[in-house]
Every structure is written in C-alpha cells, then in structure tokens.
C-alpha cells in the first residue's frame, strides 16, 4: 500500500483531516498551540468518534462499530 502513486495509501487519514479542517478549524485562529491541540482533541473525542457515521462501517460511528465488534467477540 505504501508504493509511490498508490491513491489508497492515506485515504482514511486524509478523509479524517478533511472533515476536521472543514467542520472545526476552518477560519479559526488559536492563540496557543495548547488551545489548538485541546480543540482538535475535543472534536475527535466528542464528535468524530462517538457521533459521525462512516460508510465503510455500515453507517455506524467508530464508537458504535467498536462496541458491536466487542459484542461479537464475546458471543463466540
């Protein structure tokens, strides 16, 4: 996957950063790096993981998908 010219190499990370930029930090100026870091962490932990649905995971949020996966493991 990491060969030169492979368009799928960083698609997941690029998609996440695209949403982060569009939904949270666009046209925002942070006075300190610590405030920027805290805002990005808040976005990821409070919105992106628990609420945003993803097409690759049957339209479940990452948190819901993880819980579903753990339930499947426990039921085996």
PDB file of N, CA and C in Angstrom:
ATOM      1  N   UNK A   1       0.808  -1.204   0.000  1.00  0.00           N
ATOM      2  CA  UNK A   1       0.000   0.000   0.000  1.00  0.00           C
ATOM      3  C   UNK A   1       0.850   1.266   0.000  1.00  0.00           C
ATOM      4  N   UNK A   2       2.089   1.196   0.418  1.00  0.00           N
ATOM      5  CA  UNK A   2       2.854   2.429   0.536  1.00  0.00           C
ATOM      6  C   UNK A   2       3.708   2.727  -0.689  1.00  0.00           C
ATOM      7  N   UNK A   3       3.423   2.065  -1.785  1.00  0.00           N
ATOM      8  CA  UNK A   3       4.182   2.355  -3.004  1.00  0.00           C
ATOM      9  C   UNK A   3       3.832   3.736  -3.537  1.00  0.00           C
ATOM     10  N   UNK A   4       4.747   4.298  -4.243  1.00  0.00           N
ATOM     11  CA  UNK A   4       4.525   5.613  -4.837  1.00  0.00           C
ATOM     12  C   UNK A   4       3.391   5.550  -5.853  1.00  0.00           C
ATOM     13  N   UNK A   5       2.504   6.528  -5.788  1.00  0.00           N
ATOM     14  CA  UNK A   5       1.407   6.598  -6.742  1.00  0.00           C
ATOM     15  C   UNK A   5       0.176   5.810  -6.346  1.00  0.00           C
ATOM     16  N   UNK A   6       0.191   5.154  -5.202  1.00  0.00           N
ATOM     17  CA  UNK A   6      -0.962   4.392  -4.754  1.00  0.00           C
ATOM     18  C   UNK A   6      -1.956   5.348  -4.100  1.00  0.00           C
ATOM     19  N   UNK A   7      -3.090   5.554  -4.738  1.00  0.00           N
ATOM     20  CA  UNK A   7      -4.037   6.572  -4.277  1.00  0.00           C
ATOM     21  C   UNK A   7      -4.785   6.181  -3.009  1.00  0.00           C
ATOM     22  N   UNK A   8      -4.733   4.923  -2.594  1.00  0.00           N
ATOM     23  CA  UNK A   8      -5.481   4.483  -1.414  1.00  0.00           C
ATOM     24  C   UNK A   8      -4.615   4.436  -0.161  1.00  0.00           C
ATOM     25  N   UNK A   9      -3.382   4.855  -0.266  1.00  0.00           N
ATOM     26  CA  UNK A   9      -2.449   4.715   0.835  1.00  0.00           C
ATOM     27  C   UNK A   9      -2.907   5.467   2.085  1.00  0.00           C
ATOM     28  N   UNK A  10      -3.228   6.732   1.964  1.00  0.00           N
ATOM     29  CA  UNK A  10      -3.587   7.540   3.129  1.00  0.00           C
ATOM     30  C   UNK A  10      -5.026   8.028   3.068  1.00  0.00           C
ATOM     31  N   UNK A  11      -5.876   7.330   2.387  1.00  0.00           N
ATOM     32  CA  UNK A  11      -7.239   7.818   2.157  1.00  0.00           C
ATOM     33  C   UNK A  11      -8.013   8.018   3.452  1.00  0.00           C
ATOM     34  N   UNK A  12      -7.877   7.133   4.406  1.00  0.00           N
ATOM     35  CA  UNK A  12      -8.627   7.248   5.657  1.00  0.00           C
ATOM     36  C   UNK A  12      -8.156   8.460   6.451  1.00  0.00           C
ATOM     37  N   UNK A  13      -6.857   8.613   6.586  1.00  0.00           N
ATOM     38  CA  UNK A  13      -6.325   9.753   7.334  1.00  0.00           C
ATOM     39  C   UNK A  13      -6.666  11.062   6.632  1.00  0.00           C
ATOM     40  N   UNK A  14      -6.547  11.092   5.317  1.00  0.00           N
ATOM     41  CA  UNK A  14      -6.858  12.310   4.574  1.00  0.00           C
ATOM     42  C   UNK A  14      -8.331  12.681   4.710  1.00  0.00           C
ATOM     43  N   UNK A  15      -9.198  11.700   4.733  1.00  0.00           N
ATOM     44  CA  UNK A  15     -10.626  11.957   4.919  1.00  0.00           C
ATOM     45  C   UNK A  15     -10.889  12.545   6.300  1.00  0.00           C
ATOM     46  N   UNK A  16     -10.262  11.990   7.310  1.00  0.00           N
ATOM     47  CA  UNK A  16     -10.428  12.495   8.677  1.00  0.00           C
ATOM     48  C   UNK A  16      -9.944  13.933   8.771  1.00  0.00           C
ATOM     49  N   UNK A  17      -8.764  14.227   8.228  1.00  0.00           N
ATOM     50  CA  UNK A  17      -8.233  15.589   8.284  1.00  0.00           C
ATOM     51  C   UNK A  17      -9.094  16.556   7.484  1.00  0.00           C
ATOM     52  N   UNK A  18      -9.670  16.083   6.392  1.00  0.00           N
ATOM     53  CA  UNK A  18     -10.547  16.947   5.588  1.00  0.00           C
ATOM     54  C   UNK A  18     -11.759  17.370   6.419  1.00  0.00           C
ATOM     55  N   UNK A  19     -12.397  16.421   7.093  1.00  0.00           N
ATOM     56  CA  UNK A  19     -13.555  16.747   7.932  1.00  0.00           C
ATOM     57  C   UNK A  19     -13.153  17.652   9.098  1.00  0.00           C
ATOM     58  N   UNK A  20     -12.008  17.373   9.698  1.00  0.00           N
ATOM     59  CA  UNK A  20     -11.531  18.203  10.801  1.00  0.00           C
ATOM     60  C   UNK A  20     -11.361  19.646  10.345  1.00  0.00           C
ATOM     61  N   UNK A  21     -10.714  19.834   9.217  1.00  0.00           N
ATOM     62  CA  UNK A  21     -10.489  21.189   8.712  1.00  0.00           C
ATOM     63  C   UNK A  21     -11.806  21.870   8.345  1.00  0.00           C
ATOM     64  N   UNK A  22     -12.677  21.148   7.684  1.00  0.00           N
ATOM     65  CA  UNK A  22     -13.927  21.744   7.208  1.00  0.00           C
ATOM     66  C   UNK A  22     -14.900  22.043   8.344  1.00  0.00           C
ATOM     67  N   UNK A  23     -15.019  21.119   9.302  1.00  0.00           N
ATOM     68  CA  UNK A  23     -16.040  21.234  10.338  1.00  0.00           C
ATOM     69  C   UNK A  23     -15.572  21.953  11.601  1.00  0.00           C
ATOM     70  N   UNK A  24     -14.259  22.037  11.813  1.00  0.00           N
ATOM     71  CA  UNK A  24     -13.833  22.565  13.107  1.00  0.00           C
ATOM     72  C   UNK A  24     -12.858  23.735  13.031  1.00  0.00           C
ATOM     73  N   UNK A  25     -11.790  23.616  12.265  1.00  0.00           N
ATOM     74  CA  UNK A  25     -10.733  24.616  12.395  1.00  0.00           C
ATOM     75  C   UNK A  25     -10.671  25.619  11.245  1.00  0.00           C
ATOM     76  N   UNK A  26     -11.579  25.515  10.305  1.00  0.00           N
ATOM     77  CA  UNK A  26     -11.558  26.445   9.175  1.00  0.00           C
ATOM     78  C   UNK A  26     -11.815  27.873   9.674  1.00  0.00           C
ATOM     79  N   UNK A  27     -10.951  28.773   9.272  1.00  0.00           N
ATOM     80  CA  UNK A  27     -11.040  30.200   9.616  1.00  0.00           C
ATOM     81  C   UNK A  27     -10.983  30.474  11.114  1.00  0.00           C
ATOM     82  N   UNK A  28     -10.324  29.609  11.854  1.00  0.00           N
ATOM     83  CA  UNK A  28     -10.132  29.827  13.285  1.00  0.00           C
ATOM     84  C   UNK A  28      -8.670  30.129  13.546  1.00  0.00           C
ATOM     85  N   UNK A  29      -8.426  31.018  14.444  1.00  0.00           N
ATOM     86  CA  UNK A  29      -7.057  31.332  14.852  1.00  0.00           C
ATOM     87  C   UNK A  29      -6.938  31.003  16.335  1.00  0.00           C
ATOM     88  N   UNK A  30      -5.992  30.140  16.650  1.00  0.00           N
ATOM     89  CA  UNK A  30      -5.775  29.733  18.037  1.00  0.00           C
ATOM     90  C   UNK A  30      -4.617  30.544  18.623  1.00  0.00           C
ATOM     91  N   UNK A  31      -4.817  31.114  19.795  1.00  0.00           N
ATOM     92  CA  UNK A  31      -3.751  31.910  20.405  1.00  0.00           C
ATOM     93  C   UNK A  31      -2.519  31.082  20.786  1.00  0.00           C
ATOM     94  N   UNK A  32      -2.746  29.836  21.197  1.00  0.00           N
ATOM     95  CA  UNK A  32      -1.617  28.984  21.583  1.00  0.00           C
ATOM     96  C   UNK A  32      -1.771  27.599  20.958  1.00  0.00           C
ATOM     97  N   UNK A  33      -0.674  26.907  20.876  1.00  0.00           N
ATOM     98  CA  UNK A  33      -0.691  25.536  20.363  1.00  0.00           C
ATOM     99  C   UNK A  33      -1.490  24.620  21.282  1.00  0.00           C
ATOM    100  N   UNK A  34      -1.426  24.869  22.568  1.00  0.00           N
ATOM    101  CA  UNK A  34      -2.166  24.048  23.542  1.00  0.00           C
ATOM    102  C   UNK A  34      -3.676  24.166  23.317  1.00  0.00           C
ATOM    103  N   UNK A  35      -4.152  25.377  23.026  1.00  0.00           N
ATOM    104  CA  UNK A  35      -5.581  25.551  22.757  1.00  0.00           C
ATOM    105  C   UNK A  35      -5.991  24.854  21.464  1.00  0.00           C
ATOM    106  N   UNK A  36      -5.148  24.901  20.464  1.00  0.00           N
ATOM    107  CA  UNK A  36      -5.437  24.205  19.208  1.00  0.00           C
ATOM    108  C   UNK A  36      -5.487  22.702  19.440  1.00  0.00           C
ATOM    109  N   UNK A  37      -4.525  22.194  20.183  1.00  0.00           N
ATOM    110  CA  UNK A  37      -4.482  20.758  20.477  1.00  0.00           C
ATOM    111  C   UNK A  37      -5.720  20.321  21.259  1.00  0.00           C
ATOM    112  N   UNK A  38      -6.118  21.124  22.242  1.00  0.00           N
ATOM    113  CA  UNK A  38      -7.296  20.789  23.051  1.00  0.00           C
ATOM    114  C   UNK A  38      -8.557  20.806  22.202  1.00  0.00           C
ATOM    115  N   UNK A  39      -8.678  21.754  21.281  1.00  0.00           N
ATOM    116  CA  UNK A  39      -9.863  21.834  20.418  1.00  0.00           C
ATOM    117  C   UNK A  39      -9.937  20.650  19.463  1.00  0.00           C
ATOM    118  N   UNK A  40      -8.800  20.270  18.898  1.00  0.00           N
ATOM    119  CA  UNK A  40      -8.781  19.117  17.991  1.00  0.00           C
ATOM    120  C   UNK A  40      -9.122  17.842  18.760  1.00  0.00           C
ATOM    121  N   UNK A  41      -8.565  17.682  19.945  1.00  0.00           N
ATOM    122  CA  UNK A  41      -8.875  16.503  20.767  1.00  0.00           C
ATOM    123  C   UNK A  41     -10.355  16.465  21.115  1.00  0.00           C
ATOM    124  N   UNK A  42     -10.912  17.615  21.453  1.00  0.00           N
ATOM    125  CA  UNK A  42     -12.343  17.693  21.755  1.00  0.00           C
ATOM    126  C   UNK A  42     -13.173  17.275  20.542  1.00  0.00           C
ATOM    127  N   UNK A  43     -12.793  17.733  19.366  1.00  0.00           N
ATOM    128  CA  UNK A  43     -13.513  17.363  18.140  1.00  0.00           C
ATOM    129  C   UNK A  43     -13.473  15.850  17.931  1.00  0.00           C
ATOM    130  N   UNK A  44     -12.302  15.270  18.070  1.00  0.00           N
ATOM    131  CA  UNK A  44     -12.156  13.830  17.807  1.00  0.00           C
ATOM    132  C   UNK A  44     -12.908  13.004  18.850  1.00  0.00           C
ATOM    133  N   UNK A  45     -12.713  13.329  20.118  1.00  0.00           N
ATOM    134  CA  UNK A  45     -13.304  12.517  21.192  1.00  0.00           C
ATOM    135  C   UNK A  45     -14.787  12.777  21.427  1.00  0.00           C
ATOM    136  N   UNK A  46     -15.248  13.994  21.185  1.00  0.00           N
ATOM    137  CA  UNK A  46     -16.632  14.325  21.500  1.00  0.00           C
ATOM    138  C   UNK A  46     -17.569  14.295  20.296  1.00  0.00           C
ATOM    139  N   UNK A  47     -17.040  14.410  19.087  1.00  0.00           N
ATOM    140  CA  UNK A  47     -17.913  14.410  17.917  1.00  0.00           C
ATOM    141  C   UNK A  47     -17.540  13.327  16.918  1.00  0.00           C
ATOM    142  N   UNK A  48     -16.301  13.312  16.465  1.00  0.00           N
ATOM    143  CA  UNK A  48     -15.928  12.432  15.364  1.00  0.00           C
ATOM    144  C   UNK A  48     -16.093  10.957  15.726  1.00  0.00           C
ATOM    145  N   UNK A  49     -15.546  10.537  16.838  1.00  0.00           N
ATOM    146  CA  UNK A  49     -15.643   9.122  17.207  1.00  0.00           C
ATOM    147  C   UNK A  49     -17.034   8.699  17.667  1.00  0.00           C
ATOM    148  N   UNK A  50     -17.697   9.436  18.573  1.00  0.00           N
ATOM    149  CA  UNK A  50     -18.985   8.926  19.042  1.00  0.00           C
ATOM    150  C   UNK A  50     -20.168   9.191  18.123  1.00  0.00           C
ATOM    151  N   UNK A  51     -20.112  10.194  17.253  1.00  0.00           N
ATOM    152  CA  UNK A  51     -21.319  10.587  16.522  1.00  0.00           C
ATOM    153  C   UNK A  51     -21.248  10.461  15.007  1.00  0.00           C
ATOM    154  N   UNK A  52     -20.123  10.797  14.395  1.00  0.00           N
ATOM    155  CA  UNK A  52     -20.041  10.811  12.933  1.00  0.00           C
ATOM    156  C   UNK A  52     -20.139   9.392  12.373  1.00  0.00           C
ATOM    157  N   UNK A  53     -21.020   9.205  11.420  1.00  0.00           N
ATOM    158  CA  UNK A  53     -21.200   7.884  10.805  1.00  0.00           C
ATOM    159  C   UNK A  53     -20.269   7.734   9.615  1.00  0.00           C
ATOM    160  N   UNK A  54     -19.831   6.486   9.380  1.00  0.00           N
ATOM    161  CA  UNK A  54     -18.884   6.203   8.308  1.00  0.00           C
ATOM    162  C   UNK A  54     -19.450   5.143   7.375  1.00  0.00           C
ATOM    163  N   UNK A  55     -19.282   5.359   6.094  1.00  0.00           N
ATOM    164  CA  UNK A  55     -19.815   4.441   5.093  1.00  0.00           C
ATOM    165  C   UNK A  55     -19.150   3.078   5.123  1.00  0.00           C
ATOM    166  N   UNK A  56     -17.867   3.014   5.466  1.00  0.00           N
ATOM    167  CA  UNK A  56     -17.157   1.735   5.478  1.00  0.00           C
ATOM    168  C   UNK A  56     -17.589   0.839   6.633  1.00  0.00           C
ATOM    169  N   UNK A  57     -18.227   1.406   7.634  1.00  0.00           N
ATOM    170  CA  UNK A  57     -18.623   0.607   8.797  1.00  0.00           C
ATOM    171  C   UNK A  57     -20.142   0.514   8.914  1.00  0.00           C
ATOM    172  N   UNK A  58     -20.798   0.320   7.787  1.00  0.00           N
ATOM    173  CA  UNK A  58     -22.263   0.163   7.746  1.00  0.00           C
ATOM    174  C   UNK A  58     -22.987   1.353   8.380  1.00  0.00           C
ATOM    175  N   UNK A  59     -22.476   2.538   8.142  1.00  0.00           N
ATOM    176  CA  UNK A  59     -23.066   3.789   8.635  1.00  0.00           C
ATOM    177  C   UNK A  59     -23.167   3.843  10.165  1.00  0.00           C
ATOM    178  N   UNK A  60     -22.178   3.260  10.833  1.00  0.00           N
ATOM    179  CA  UNK A  60     -22.070   3.339  12.286  1.00  0.00           C
ATOM    180  C   UNK A  60     -20.944   4.295  12.646  1.00  0.00           C
ATOM    181  N   UNK A  61     -21.037   4.916  13.797  1.00  0.00           N
ATOM    182  CA  UNK A  61     -19.929   5.729  14.265  1.00  0.00           C
ATOM    183  C   UNK A  61     -18.793   4.786  14.680  1.00  0.00           C
ATOM    184  N   UNK A  62     -17.555   5.276  14.733  1.00  0.00           N
ATOM    185  CA  UNK A  62     -16.456   4.400  15.160  1.00  0.00           C
ATOM    186  C   UNK A  62     -16.685   3.786  16.538  1.00  0.00           C
ATOM    187  N   UNK A  63     -17.264   4.542  17.453  1.00  0.00           N
ATOM    188  CA  UNK A  63     -17.530   4.010  18.793  1.00  0.00           C
ATOM    189  C   UNK A  63     -18.573   2.895  18.744  1.00  0.00           C
ATOM    190  N   UNK A  64     -19.657   3.097  17.998  1.00  0.00           N
ATOM    191  CA  UNK A  64     -20.687   2.060  17.869  1.00  0.00           C
ATOM    192  C   UNK A  64     -20.137   0.818  17.180  1.00  0.00           C
ATOM    193  N   UNK A  65     -19.315   1.020  16.166  1.00  0.00           N
ATOM    194  CA  UNK A  65     -18.722  -0.105  15.449  1.00  0.00           C
ATOM    195  C   UNK A  65     -17.818  -0.912  16.378  1.00  0.00           C
ATOM    196  N   UNK A  66     -17.049  -0.227  17.201  1.00  0.00           N
ATOM    197  CA  UNK A  66     -16.176  -0.907  18.149  1.00  0.00           C
ATOM    198  C   UNK A  66     -16.976  -1.705  19.169  1.00  0.00           C
ATOM    199  N   UNK A  67     -18.061  -1.127  19.673  1.00  0.00           N
ATOM    200  CA  UNK A  67     -18.913  -1.845  20.635  1.00  0.00           C
ATOM    201  C   UNK A  67     -19.547  -3.082  19.981  1.00  0.00           C
ATOM    202  N   UNK A  68     -19.986  -2.940  18.749  1.00  0.00           N
ATOM    203  CA  UNK A  68     -20.571  -4.068  18.022  1.00  0.00           C
ATOM    204  C   UNK A  68     -19.526  -5.177  17.834  1.00  0.00           C
ATOM    205  N   UNK A  69     -18.313  -4.793  17.503  1.00  0.00           N
ATOM    206  CA  UNK A  69     -17.230  -5.758  17.318  1.00  0.00           C
ATOM    207  C   UNK A  69     -16.930  -6.491  18.626  1.00  0.00           C
ATOM    208  N   UNK A  70     -16.881  -5.755  19.738  1.00  0.00           N
ATOM    209  CA  UNK A  70     -16.620  -6.392  21.035  1.00  0.00           C
ATOM    210  C   UNK A  70     -17.734  -7.348  21.420  1.00  0.00           C
ATOM    211  N   UNK A  71     -18.986  -6.989  21.138  1.00  0.00           N
ATOM    212  CA  UNK A  71     -20.108  -7.897  21.432  1.00  0.00           C
ATOM    213  C   UNK A  71     -20.003  -9.176  20.615  1.00  0.00           C
ATOM    214  N   UNK A  72     -19.594  -9.047  19.355  1.00  0.00           N
ATOM    215  CA  UNK A  72     -19.411 -10.241  18.526  1.00  0.00           C
ATOM    216  C   UNK A  72     -18.326 -11.147  19.081  1.00  0.00           C
ATOM    217  N   UNK A  73     -17.239 -10.550  19.550  1.00  0.00           N
ATOM    218  CA  UNK A  73     -16.159 -11.356  20.122  1.00  0.00           C
ATOM    219  C   UNK A  73     -16.596 -12.087  21.387  1.00  0.00           C
ATOM    220  N   UNK A  74     -17.364 -11.416  22.212  1.00  0.00           N
ATOM    221  CA  UNK A  74     -17.820 -12.022  23.453  1.00  0.00           C
ATOM    222  C   UNK A  74     -18.859 -13.113  23.239  1.00  0.00           C
ATOM    223  N   UNK A  75     -19.600 -13.024  22.142  1.00  0.00           N
ATOM    224  CA  UNK A  75     -20.635 -14.025  21.902  1.00  0.00           C
ATOM    225  C   UNK A  75     -20.101 -15.318  21.300  1.00  0.00           C
ATOM    226  N   UNK A  76     -18.845 -15.335  20.929  1.00  0.00           N
ATOM    227  CA  UNK A  76     -18.261 -16.541  20.311  1.00  0.00           C
ATOM    228  C   UNK A  76     -17.783 -17.489  21.351  1.00  0.00           C
TER     229      UNK A  76
END
